[in-house]
PDB file of N, CA and C in Angstrom:
ATOM      1  N   MET A   1      -8.853 -15.093 -14.454  1.00  0.00           N
ATOM      2  CA  MET A   1      -7.889 -14.360 -15.250  1.00  0.00           C
ATOM      3  C   MET A   1      -6.548 -15.068 -15.156  1.00  0.00           C
ATOM      4  N   CYS A   2      -5.877 -15.182 -16.272  1.00  0.00           N
ATOM      5  CA  CYS A   2      -4.552 -15.806 -16.316  1.00  0.00           C
ATOM      6  C   CYS A   2      -3.518 -14.751 -16.663  1.00  0.00           C
ATOM      7  N   LEU A   3      -2.455 -14.729 -15.909  1.00  0.00           N
ATOM      8  CA  LEU A   3      -1.347 -13.837 -16.188  1.00  0.00           C
ATOM      9  C   LEU A   3      -0.176 -14.632 -16.716  1.00  0.00           C
ATOM     10  N   ALA A   4       0.539 -14.065 -17.647  1.00  0.00           N
ATOM     11  CA  ALA A   4       1.786 -14.669 -18.083  1.00  0.00           C
ATOM     12  C   ALA A   4       2.872 -14.253 -17.098  1.00  0.00           C
ATOM     13  N   ILE A   5       3.821 -15.150 -16.862  1.00  0.00           N
ATOM     14  CA  ILE A   5       4.918 -14.852 -15.947  1.00  0.00           C
ATOM     15  C   ILE A   5       6.247 -15.200 -16.605  1.00  0.00           C
ATOM     16  N   PRO A   6       7.306 -14.515 -16.205  1.00  0.00           N
ATOM     17  CA  PRO A   6       8.623 -14.874 -16.731  1.00  0.00           C
ATOM     18  C   PRO A   6       9.110 -16.160 -16.074  1.00  0.00           C
ATOM     19  N   MET A   7       9.674 -17.039 -16.874  1.00  0.00           N
ATOM     20  CA  MET A   7      10.244 -18.283 -16.359  1.00  0.00           C
ATOM     21  C   MET A   7      11.567 -18.535 -17.055  1.00  0.00           C
ATOM     22  N   GLN A   8      12.507 -19.122 -16.311  1.00  0.00           N
ATOM     23  CA  GLN A   8      13.828 -19.410 -16.875  1.00  0.00           C
ATOM     24  C   GLN A   8      13.948 -20.894 -17.183  1.00  0.00           C
ATOM     25  N   VAL A   9      14.460 -21.189 -18.365  1.00  0.00           N
ATOM     26  CA  VAL A   9      14.653 -22.574 -18.799  1.00  0.00           C
ATOM     27  C   VAL A   9      15.755 -23.214 -17.963  1.00  0.00           C
ATOM     28  N   VAL A  10      15.456 -24.400 -17.398  1.00  0.00           N
ATOM     29  CA  VAL A  10      16.467 -25.148 -16.660  1.00  0.00           C
ATOM     30  C   VAL A  10      16.831 -26.457 -17.343  1.00  0.00           C
ATOM     31  N   GLU A  11      15.923 -26.970 -18.175  1.00  0.00           N
ATOM     32  CA  GLU A  11      16.186 -28.232 -18.872  1.00  0.00           C
ATOM     33  C   GLU A  11      15.327 -28.295 -20.120  1.00  0.00           C
ATOM     34  N   VAL A  12      15.898 -28.762 -21.219  1.00  0.00           N
ATOM     35  CA  VAL A  12      15.179 -28.857 -22.492  1.00  0.00           C
ATOM     36  C   VAL A  12      14.885 -30.317 -22.786  1.00  0.00           C
ATOM     37  N   ASP A  13      13.642 -30.565 -23.251  1.00  0.00           N
ATOM     38  CA  ASP A  13      13.190 -31.920 -23.577  1.00  0.00           C
ATOM     39  C   ASP A  13      12.434 -31.864 -24.899  1.00  0.00           C
ATOM     40  N   GLY A  14      13.171 -31.818 -26.014  1.00  0.00           N
ATOM     41  CA  GLY A  14      12.539 -31.728 -27.325  1.00  0.00           C
ATOM     42  C   GLY A  14      11.820 -30.403 -27.501  1.00  0.00           C
ATOM     43  N   ALA A  15      10.506 -30.464 -27.782  1.00  0.00           N
ATOM     44  CA  ALA A  15       9.699 -29.263 -27.970  1.00  0.00           C
ATOM     45  C   ALA A  15       9.166 -28.725 -26.643  1.00  0.00           C
ATOM     46  N   PHE A  16       9.704 -29.232 -25.550  1.00  0.00           N
ATOM     47  CA  PHE A  16       9.282 -28.794 -24.219  1.00  0.00           C
ATOM     48  C   PHE A  16      10.499 -28.375 -23.415  1.00  0.00           C
ATOM     49  N   ALA A  17      10.263 -27.566 -22.398  1.00  0.00           N
ATOM     50  CA  ALA A  17      11.351 -27.155 -21.512  1.00  0.00           C
ATOM     51  C   ALA A  17      10.825 -27.085 -20.087  1.00  0.00           C
ATOM     52  N   TRP A  18      11.638 -27.573 -19.163  1.00  0.00           N
ATOM     53  CA  TRP A  18      11.325 -27.399 -17.754  1.00  0.00           C
ATOM     54  C   TRP A  18      11.837 -26.022 -17.360  1.00  0.00           C
ATOM     55  N   CYS A  19      10.932 -25.229 -16.785  1.00  0.00           N
ATOM     56  CA  CYS A  19      11.257 -23.847 -16.466  1.00  0.00           C
ATOM     57  C   CYS A  19      10.889 -23.557 -15.015  1.00  0.00           C
ATOM     58  N   GLU A  20      11.560 -22.549 -14.454  1.00  0.00           N
ATOM     59  CA  GLU A  20      11.277 -22.134 -13.080  1.00  0.00           C
ATOM     60  C   GLU A  20      11.046 -20.633 -13.043  1.00  0.00           C
ATOM     61  N   GLY A  21      10.092 -20.234 -12.216  1.00  0.00           N
ATOM     62  CA  GLY A  21       9.813 -18.813 -12.031  1.00  0.00           C
ATOM     63  C   GLY A  21       8.736 -18.598 -11.003  1.00  0.00           C
ATOM     64  N   ARG A  22       8.894 -17.565 -10.207  1.00  0.00           N
ATOM     65  CA  ARG A  22       7.937 -17.181  -9.168  1.00  0.00           C
ATOM     66  C   ARG A  22       7.595 -18.350  -8.247  1.00  0.00           C
ATOM     67  N   GLY A  23       8.625 -19.120  -7.899  1.00  0.00           N
ATOM     68  CA  GLY A  23       8.443 -20.194  -6.929  1.00  0.00           C
ATOM     69  C   GLY A  23       7.813 -21.461  -7.466  1.00  0.00           C
ATOM     70  N   ARG A  24       7.764 -21.607  -8.749  1.00  0.00           N
ATOM     71  CA  ARG A  24       7.167 -22.818  -9.323  1.00  0.00           C
ATOM     72  C   ARG A  24       8.033 -23.390 -10.430  1.00  0.00           C
ATOM     73  N   ARG A  25       7.827 -24.644 -10.710  1.00  0.00           N
ATOM     74  CA  ARG A  25       8.523 -25.350 -11.797  1.00  0.00           C
ATOM     75  C   ARG A  25       7.440 -25.891 -12.723  1.00  0.00           C
ATOM     76  N   GLU A  26       7.624 -25.681 -14.019  1.00  0.00           N
ATOM     77  CA  GLU A  26       6.581 -26.056 -14.972  1.00  0.00           C
ATOM     78  C   GLU A  26       7.204 -26.518 -16.291  1.00  0.00           C
ATOM     79  N   ARG A  27       6.550 -27.463 -16.921  1.00  0.00           N
ATOM     80  CA  ARG A  27       6.971 -27.942 -18.239  1.00  0.00           C
ATOM     81  C   ARG A  27       6.204 -27.137 -19.280  1.00  0.00           C
ATOM     82  N   LEU A  28       6.938 -26.392 -20.106  1.00  0.00           N
ATOM     83  CA  LEU A  28       6.317 -25.530 -21.106  1.00  0.00           C
ATOM     84  C   LEU A  28       6.510 -26.065 -22.510  1.00  0.00           C
ATOM     85  N   ASN A  29       5.493 -25.920 -23.328  1.00  0.00           N
ATOM     86  CA  ASN A  29       5.590 -26.198 -24.748  1.00  0.00           C
ATOM     87  C   ASN A  29       6.306 -25.001 -25.371  1.00  0.00           C
ATOM     88  N   THR A  30       7.385 -25.249 -26.105  1.00  0.00           N
ATOM     89  CA  THR A  30       8.185 -24.162 -26.666  1.00  0.00           C
ATOM     90  C   THR A  30       8.023 -24.006 -28.176  1.00  0.00           C
ATOM     91  N   MET A  31       7.041 -24.650 -28.764  1.00  0.00           N
ATOM     92  CA  MET A  31       6.894 -24.615 -30.224  1.00  0.00           C
ATOM     93  C   MET A  31       6.667 -23.203 -30.769  1.00  0.00           C
ATOM     94  N   LEU A  32       6.063 -22.307 -29.991  1.00  0.00           N
ATOM     95  CA  LEU A  32       5.811 -20.947 -30.473  1.00  0.00           C
ATOM     96  C   LEU A  32       7.064 -20.078 -30.489  1.00  0.00           C
ATOM     97  N   VAL A  33       8.082 -20.458 -29.707  1.00  0.00           N
ATOM     98  CA  VAL A  33       9.282 -19.623 -29.616  1.00  0.00           C
ATOM     99  C   VAL A  33      10.512 -20.264 -30.245  1.00  0.00           C
ATOM    100  N   GLY A  34      10.398 -21.501 -30.674  1.00  0.00           N
ATOM    101  CA  GLY A  34      11.532 -22.170 -31.301  1.00  0.00           C
ATOM    102  C   GLY A  34      12.490 -22.771 -30.288  1.00  0.00           C
ATOM    103  N   GLU A  35      13.692 -23.063 -30.752  1.00  0.00           N
ATOM    104  CA  GLU A  35      14.689 -23.725 -29.916  1.00  0.00           C
ATOM    105  C   GLU A  35      15.094 -22.855 -28.735  1.00  0.00           C
ATOM    106  N   VAL A  36      15.168 -23.467 -27.566  1.00  0.00           N
ATOM    107  CA  VAL A  36      15.583 -22.764 -26.353  1.00  0.00           C
ATOM    108  C   VAL A  36      16.729 -23.525 -25.699  1.00  0.00           C
ATOM    109  N   ALA A  37      17.404 -22.852 -24.786  1.00  0.00           N
ATOM    110  CA  ALA A  37      18.525 -23.463 -24.074  1.00  0.00           C
ATOM    111  C   ALA A  37      18.438 -23.094 -22.601  1.00  0.00           C
ATOM    112  N   PRO A  38      19.023 -23.911 -21.726  1.00  0.00           N
ATOM    113  CA  PRO A  38      19.040 -23.564 -20.306  1.00  0.00           C
ATOM    114  C   PRO A  38      19.597 -22.147 -20.112  1.00  0.00           C
ATOM    115  N   GLY A  39      18.915 -21.402 -19.254  1.00  0.00           N
ATOM    116  CA  GLY A  39      19.300 -20.016 -18.997  1.00  0.00           C
ATOM    117  C   GLY A  39      18.445 -19.012 -19.736  1.00  0.00           C
ATOM    118  N   ASP A  40      17.770 -19.440 -20.821  1.00  0.00           N
ATOM    119  CA  ASP A  40      16.887 -18.535 -21.556  1.00  0.00           C
ATOM    120  C   ASP A  40      15.698 -18.144 -20.692  1.00  0.00           C
ATOM    121  N   TRP A  41      15.167 -16.951 -20.935  1.00  0.00           N
ATOM    122  CA  TRP A  41      13.970 -16.477 -20.251  1.00  0.00           C
ATOM    123  C   TRP A  41      12.799 -16.498 -21.226  1.00  0.00           C
ATOM    124  N   LEU A  42      11.647 -16.975 -20.737  1.00  0.00           N
ATOM    125  CA  LEU A  42      10.442 -17.076 -21.549  1.00  0.00           C
ATOM    126  C   LEU A  42       9.265 -16.451 -20.816  1.00  0.00           C
ATOM    127  N   PHE A  43       8.314 -15.950 -21.574  1.00  0.00           N
ATOM    128  CA  PHE A  43       7.063 -15.442 -21.018  1.00  0.00           C
ATOM    129  C   PHE A  43       6.075 -16.603 -21.107  1.00  0.00           C
ATOM    130  N   ALA A  44       5.620 -17.116 -19.982  1.00  0.00           N
ATOM    131  CA  ALA A  44       4.823 -18.345 -19.936  1.00  0.00           C
ATOM    132  C   ALA A  44       3.381 -18.074 -19.534  1.00  0.00           C
ATOM    133  N   GLN A  45       2.483 -18.751 -20.240  1.00  0.00           N
ATOM    134  CA  GLN A  45       1.061 -18.652 -19.915  1.00  0.00           C
ATOM    135  C   GLN A  45       0.385 -19.968 -20.287  1.00  0.00           C
ATOM    136  N   LEU A  46      -0.306 -20.543 -19.328  1.00  0.00           N
ATOM    137  CA  LEU A  46      -1.094 -21.750 -19.545  1.00  0.00           C
ATOM    138  C   LEU A  46      -0.290 -22.879 -20.193  1.00  0.00           C
ATOM    139  N   GLY A  47       0.920 -23.104 -19.706  1.00  0.00           N
ATOM    140  CA  GLY A  47       1.742 -24.208 -20.188  1.00  0.00           C
ATOM    141  C   GLY A  47       2.450 -23.966 -21.508  1.00  0.00           C
ATOM    142  N   GLN A  48       2.364 -22.750 -22.012  1.00  0.00           N
ATOM    143  CA  GLN A  48       2.974 -22.401 -23.297  1.00  0.00           C
ATOM    144  C   GLN A  48       4.008 -21.295 -23.108  1.00  0.00           C
ATOM    145  N   ALA A  49       5.129 -21.411 -23.789  1.00  0.00           N
ATOM    146  CA  ALA A  49       6.073 -20.299 -23.874  1.00  0.00           C
ATOM    147  C   ALA A  49       5.542 -19.385 -24.977  1.00  0.00           C
ATOM    148  N   ARG A  50       5.187 -18.167 -24.630  1.00  0.00           N
ATOM    149  CA  ARG A  50       4.552 -17.249 -25.585  1.00  0.00           C
ATOM    150  C   ARG A  50       5.548 -16.338 -26.285  1.00  0.00           C
ATOM    151  N   GLU A  51       6.674 -16.050 -25.582  1.00  0.00           N
ATOM    152  CA  GLU A  51       7.611 -15.067 -26.109  1.00  0.00           C
ATOM    153  C   GLU A  51       8.954 -15.237 -25.408  1.00  0.00           C
ATOM    154  N   ARG A  52      10.022 -14.896 -26.113  1.00  0.00           N
ATOM    155  CA  ARG A  52      11.342 -14.862 -25.485  1.00  0.00           C
ATOM    156  C   ARG A  52      11.503 -13.526 -24.769  1.00  0.00           C
ATOM    157  N   LEU A  53      12.210 -13.535 -23.656  1.00  0.00           N
ATOM    158  CA  LEU A  53      12.478 -12.315 -22.904  1.00  0.00           C
ATOM    159  C   LEU A  53      13.974 -12.169 -22.682  1.00  0.00           C
ATOM    160  N   THR A  54      14.414 -10.928 -22.550  1.00  0.00           N
ATOM    161  CA  THR A  54      15.776 -10.697 -22.097  1.00  0.00           C
ATOM    162  C   THR A  54      15.758 -10.798 -20.573  1.00  0.00           C
ATOM    163  N   ARG A  55      16.937 -10.918 -19.985  1.00  0.00           N
ATOM    164  CA  ARG A  55      17.026 -10.945 -18.521  1.00  0.00           C
ATOM    165  C   ARG A  55      16.430  -9.664 -17.931  1.00  0.00           C
ATOM    166  N   GLN A  56      16.684  -8.518 -18.588  1.00  0.00           N
ATOM    167  CA  GLN A  56      16.173  -7.227 -18.117  1.00  0.00           C
ATOM    168  C   GLN A  56      14.642  -7.187 -18.180  1.00  0.00           C
ATOM    169  N   GLN A  57      14.068  -7.652 -19.279  1.00  0.00           N
ATOM    170  CA  GLN A  57      12.606  -7.675 -19.390  1.00  0.00           C
ATOM    171  C   GLN A  57      12.005  -8.556 -18.310  1.00  0.00           C
ATOM    172  N   ALA A  58      12.599  -9.719 -18.078  1.00  0.00           N
ATOM    173  CA  ALA A  58      12.096 -10.630 -17.041  1.00  0.00           C
ATOM    174  C   ALA A  58      12.135  -9.950 -15.674  1.00  0.00           C
ATOM    175  N   ALA A  59      13.218  -9.242 -15.376  1.00  0.00           N
ATOM    176  CA  ALA A  59      13.351  -8.557 -14.086  1.00  0.00           C
ATOM    177  C   ALA A  59      12.298  -7.461 -13.929  1.00  0.00           C
ATOM    178  N   GLU A  60      12.036  -6.714 -14.996  1.00  0.00           N
ATOM    179  CA  GLU A  60      11.031  -5.644 -14.944  1.00  0.00           C
ATOM    180  C   GLU A  60       9.632  -6.212 -14.720  1.00  0.00           C
ATOM    181  N   ILE A  61       9.323  -7.313 -15.383  1.00  0.00           N
ATOM    182  CA  ILE A  61       8.008  -7.951 -15.212  1.00  0.00           C
ATOM    183  C   ILE A  61       7.881  -8.514 -13.805  1.00  0.00           C
ATOM    184  N   GLU A  62       8.946  -9.136 -13.301  1.00  0.00           N
ATOM    185  CA  GLU A  62       8.935  -9.667 -11.929  1.00  0.00           C
ATOM    186  C   GLU A  62       8.649  -8.558 -10.929  1.00  0.00           C
ATOM    187  N   LEU A  63       9.306  -7.407 -11.097  1.00  0.00           N
ATOM    188  CA  LEU A  63       9.112  -6.284 -10.192  1.00  0.00           C
ATOM    189  C   LEU A  63       7.665  -5.779 -10.253  1.00  0.00           C
ATOM    190  N   ALA A  64       7.113  -5.691 -11.464  1.00  0.00           N
ATOM    191  CA  ALA A  64       5.721  -5.245 -11.607  1.00  0.00           C
ATOM    192  C   ALA A  64       4.758  -6.240 -10.956  1.00  0.00           C
ATOM    193  N   LEU A  65       5.007  -7.540 -11.113  1.00  0.00           N
ATOM    194  CA  LEU A  65       4.155  -8.544 -10.469  1.00  0.00           C
ATOM    195  C   LEU A  65       4.265  -8.457  -8.945  1.00  0.00           C
ATOM    196  N   ASP A  66       5.473  -8.158  -8.452  1.00  0.00           N
ATOM    197  CA  ASP A  66       5.634  -7.935  -7.012  1.00  0.00           C
ATOM    198  C   ASP A  66       4.815  -6.725  -6.572  1.00  0.00           C
ATOM    199  N   GLY A  67       4.751  -5.708  -7.431  1.00  0.00           N
ATOM    200  CA  GLY A  67       3.956  -4.515  -7.132  1.00  0.00           C
ATOM    201  C   GLY A  67       2.470  -4.820  -7.060  1.00  0.00           C
ATOM    202  N   VAL A  68       1.994  -5.661  -7.947  1.00  0.00           N
ATOM    203  CA  VAL A  68       0.581  -6.067  -7.916  1.00  0.00           C
ATOM    204  C   VAL A  68       0.295  -6.812  -6.612  1.00  0.00           C
ATOM    205  N   ALA A  69       1.188  -7.707  -6.229  1.00  0.00           N
ATOM    206  CA  ALA A  69       1.020  -8.444  -4.967  1.00  0.00           C
ATOM    207  C   ALA A  69       1.034  -7.483  -3.782  1.00  0.00           C
ATOM    208  N   ALA A  70       1.896  -6.484  -3.829  1.00  0.00           N
ATOM    209  CA  ALA A  70       1.974  -5.498  -2.749  1.00  0.00           C
ATOM    210  C   ALA A  70       0.664  -4.716  -2.652  1.00  0.00           C
ATOM    211  N   ALA A  71       0.109  -4.338  -3.796  1.00  0.00           N
ATOM    212  CA  ALA A  71      -1.169  -3.612  -3.803  1.00  0.00           C
ATOM    213  C   ALA A  71      -2.273  -4.478  -3.201  1.00  0.00           C
ATOM    214  N   LEU A  72      -2.271  -5.758  -3.521  1.00  0.00           N
ATOM    215  CA  LEU A  72      -3.285  -6.658  -2.968  1.00  0.00           C
ATOM    216  C   LEU A  72      -3.134  -6.832  -1.459  1.00  0.00           C
ATOM    217  N   ARG A  73      -1.901  -6.654  -0.959  1.00  0.00           N
ATOM    218  CA  ARG A  73      -1.662  -6.716   0.489  1.00  0.00           C
ATOM    219  C   ARG A  73      -2.025  -5.411   1.178  1.00  0.00           C
ATOM    220  N   GLY A  74      -2.337  -4.390   0.395  1.00  0.00           N
ATOM    221  CA  GLY A  74      -2.730  -3.115   0.958  1.00  0.00           C
ATOM    222  C   GLY A  74      -1.620  -2.087   1.059  1.00  0.00           C
ATOM    223  N   GLU A  75      -0.454  -2.366   0.508  1.00  0.00           N
ATOM    224  CA  GLU A  75       0.622  -1.380   0.533  1.00  0.00           C
ATOM    225  C   GLU A  75       0.197  -0.145  -0.252  1.00  0.00           C
ATOM    226  N   LYS A  76       0.596   1.017   0.238  1.00  0.00           N
ATOM    227  CA  LYS A  76       0.199   2.282  -0.404  1.00  0.00           C
ATOM    228  C   LYS A  76       1.277   2.836  -1.333  1.00  0.00           C
ATOM    229  N   ASP A  77       2.546   2.677  -0.973  1.00  0.00           N
ATOM    230  CA  ASP A  77       3.620   3.220  -1.792  1.00  0.00           C
ATOM    231  C   ASP A  77       4.086   2.163  -2.791  1.00  0.00           C
ATOM    232  N   LEU A  78       3.580   2.261  -3.987  1.00  0.00           N
ATOM    233  CA  LEU A  78       3.906   1.279  -5.025  1.00  0.00           C
ATOM    234  C   LEU A  78       4.960   1.787  -6.007  1.00  0.00           C
ATOM    235  N   ALA A  79       5.412   3.015  -5.837  1.00  0.00           N
ATOM    236  CA  ALA A  79       6.388   3.610  -6.755  1.00  0.00           C
ATOM    237  C   ALA A  79       7.643   2.756  -6.932  1.00  0.00           C
ATOM    238  N   PRO A  80       8.188   2.133  -5.876  1.00  0.00           N
ATOM    239  CA  PRO A  80       9.406   1.332  -6.076  1.00  0.00           C
ATOM    240  C   PRO A  80       9.211   0.138  -7.022  1.00  0.00           C
ATOM    241  N   TYR A  81       8.002  -0.306  -7.181  1.00  0.00           N
ATOM    242  CA  TYR A  81       7.724  -1.455  -8.040  1.00  0.00           C
ATOM    243  C   TYR A  81       7.571  -1.080  -9.512  1.00  0.00           C
ATOM    244  N   PHE A  82       7.367   0.203  -9.766  1.00  0.00           N
ATOM    245  CA  PHE A  82       7.103   0.675 -11.127  1.00  0.00           C
ATOM    246  C   PHE A  82       8.010   1.859 -11.453  1.00  0.00           C
ATOM    247  N   PRO A  83       9.327   1.648 -11.492  1.00  0.00           N
ATOM    248  CA  PRO A  83      10.237   2.753 -11.780  1.00  0.00           C
ATOM    249  C   PRO A  83       9.993   3.307 -13.189  1.00  0.00           C
ATOM    250  N   GLY A  84      10.121   4.608 -13.307  1.00  0.00           N
ATOM    251  CA  GLY A  84       9.923   5.224 -14.609  1.00  0.00           C
ATOM    252  C   GLY A  84       8.486   5.631 -14.880  1.00  0.00           C
ATOM    253  N   ILE A  85       7.571   5.223 -14.015  1.00  0.00           N
ATOM    254  CA  ILE A  85       6.172   5.602 -14.182  1.00  0.00           C
ATOM    255  C   ILE A  85       5.842   6.650 -13.125  1.00  0.00           C
ATOM    256  N   THR A  86       5.401   7.805 -13.578  1.00  0.00           N
ATOM    257  CA  THR A  86       5.048   8.882 -12.668  1.00  0.00           C
ATOM    258  C   THR A  86       3.536   8.898 -12.498  1.00  0.00           C
ATOM    259  N   VAL A  87       3.120   8.895 -11.255  1.00  0.00           N
ATOM    260  CA  VAL A  87       1.691   8.908 -10.958  1.00  0.00           C
ATOM    261  C   VAL A  87       1.332  10.290 -10.419  1.00  0.00           C
ATOM    262  N   ALA A  88       0.355  10.915 -11.046  1.00  0.00           N
ATOM    263  CA  ALA A  88      -0.100  12.232 -10.590  1.00  0.00           C
ATOM    264  C   ALA A  88      -0.862  12.065  -9.286  1.00  0.00           C
ATOM    265  N   LYS A  89      -0.595  12.955  -8.364  1.00  0.00           N
ATOM    266  CA  LYS A  89      -1.315  12.936  -7.083  1.00  0.00           C
ATOM    267  C   LYS A  89      -2.519  13.854  -7.184  1.00  0.00           C
ATOM    268  N   PRO A  90      -3.655  13.415  -6.639  1.00  0.00           N
ATOM    269  CA  PRO A  90      -4.882  14.244  -6.734  1.00  0.00           C
ATOM    270  C   PRO A  90      -4.776  15.517  -5.937  1.00  0.00           C
TER     271      PRO A  90
END
């Protein structure tokens, strides 16, 4: 399974951009999203920029991905990772 992750543009190289996110640096094809500039946020999957993101959207996705990692570590209280989502208790 492949997940898309938010990445921030640090350098532009024609139809490609060097981006950083979640501890990695990757060269993304930006043809699907058009012209980008350093500081822009992109939703990246399999070497492609799939969508533009606002800083707020990127932060929300980062928090949710942290929540998934926390669940995989066995943490029980995941509410802080998913603000605004109410989970019914059995």
